[in-house]
Protein backbone atom coordinates (compact mmCIF):
# COMPACT_ATOMS: atom_id res chain seq x y z
CA MET A 1 10.70 14.58 17.18
CA LYS A 2 7.12 15.77 16.81
CA THR A 3 4.62 13.25 15.49
CA ASP A 4 1.42 14.35 13.78
CA TYR A 5 -0.95 11.46 14.45
CA THR A 6 -3.99 13.06 12.86
CA ARG A 7 -2.21 13.61 9.53
CA THR A 8 -0.83 10.08 9.61
CA GLN A 9 -4.26 8.59 10.33
CA GLY A 10 -5.79 10.68 7.56
CA LEU A 11 -3.25 9.43 5.04
CA LEU A 12 -3.76 5.84 6.13
CA ASN A 13 -7.52 6.16 5.77
CA PHE A 14 -7.15 7.81 2.36
CA PHE A 15 -4.99 5.01 0.96
CA PHE A 16 -7.15 2.34 2.61
CA GLY A 17 -10.18 3.84 0.88
CA ILE A 18 -8.46 3.77 -2.49
CA THR A 19 -7.45 0.13 -2.08
CA ALA A 20 -10.93 -0.81 -0.83
CA LEU A 21 -12.33 0.71 -4.01
CA VAL A 22 -9.77 -0.59 -6.52
CA GLY A 23 -9.00 -4.03 -5.04
CA PRO A 24 -12.31 -5.78 -5.69
CA LEU A 25 -12.57 -4.14 -9.11
CA LEU A 26 -9.09 -5.35 -10.06
CA VAL A 27 -9.76 -8.89 -8.86
CA GLY A 28 -13.10 -8.92 -10.69
CA ILE A 29 -11.53 -7.82 -13.96
CA LEU A 30 -8.75 -10.40 -13.62
CA PHE A 31 -11.30 -13.12 -12.78
CA ASP A 32 -13.39 -12.25 -15.83
CA THR A 33 -10.26 -12.27 -18.00
CA THR A 34 -8.60 -15.45 -16.69
CA GLY A 35 -11.50 -17.39 -15.17
CA SER A 36 -9.53 -17.83 -11.94
CA TYR A 37 -8.98 -15.81 -8.78
CA LEU A 38 -5.28 -16.78 -8.74
CA ALA A 39 -4.20 -13.86 -10.95
CA GLY A 40 -6.08 -11.39 -8.76
CA PHE A 41 -4.61 -12.74 -5.55
CA LEU A 42 -1.12 -12.74 -7.03
CA ALA A 43 -1.54 -9.14 -8.23
CA LEU A 44 -2.77 -7.99 -4.81
CA SER A 45 0.06 -9.88 -3.10
CA ALA A 46 2.59 -8.18 -5.36
CA LEU A 47 1.09 -4.77 -4.60
CA GLY A 48 1.21 -5.54 -0.87
CA LEU A 49 4.86 -6.51 -1.09
CA LEU A 50 5.59 -3.35 -3.09
CA GLY A 51 3.87 -1.28 -0.40
CA ALA A 52 5.89 -2.96 2.34
CA PHE A 53 9.09 -2.30 0.41
CA VAL A 54 8.19 1.39 0.03
CA VAL A 55 7.46 1.68 3.77
CA ILE A 56 10.83 0.12 4.63
CA ILE A 57 12.71 2.40 2.21
CA VAL A 58 10.92 5.55 3.40
CA GLY A 59 11.50 4.60 7.04
CA HIS A 60 15.17 4.07 6.34
CA LEU A 61 15.49 7.40 4.52
CA LEU A 62 13.68 9.27 7.31
CA SER A 63 15.86 7.69 9.99
CA GLN A 64 18.97 8.79 8.07
CA GLU A 65 17.55 12.30 7.75
CA HIS A 66 17.02 12.51 11.52
CA ARG A 67 20.57 11.27 12.17
CA ASP A 68 22.00 14.00 9.94
CA ASP A 69 20.22 16.76 11.93
């Protein structure tokens, strides 16, 4: 199995940049709306859990694909 580390690192940096841009904005909007940081932290926690779920599912699908080869 060939691993392309540069492409993987590029994708990680791309998505990290998006979250670094959107995260504070989202928490700020939720703080201005609700007057509390709780909604922002809960929203970011939910997005983190969703991301972890996607990584697990994709890893599982890729491992099945490699078994079928």
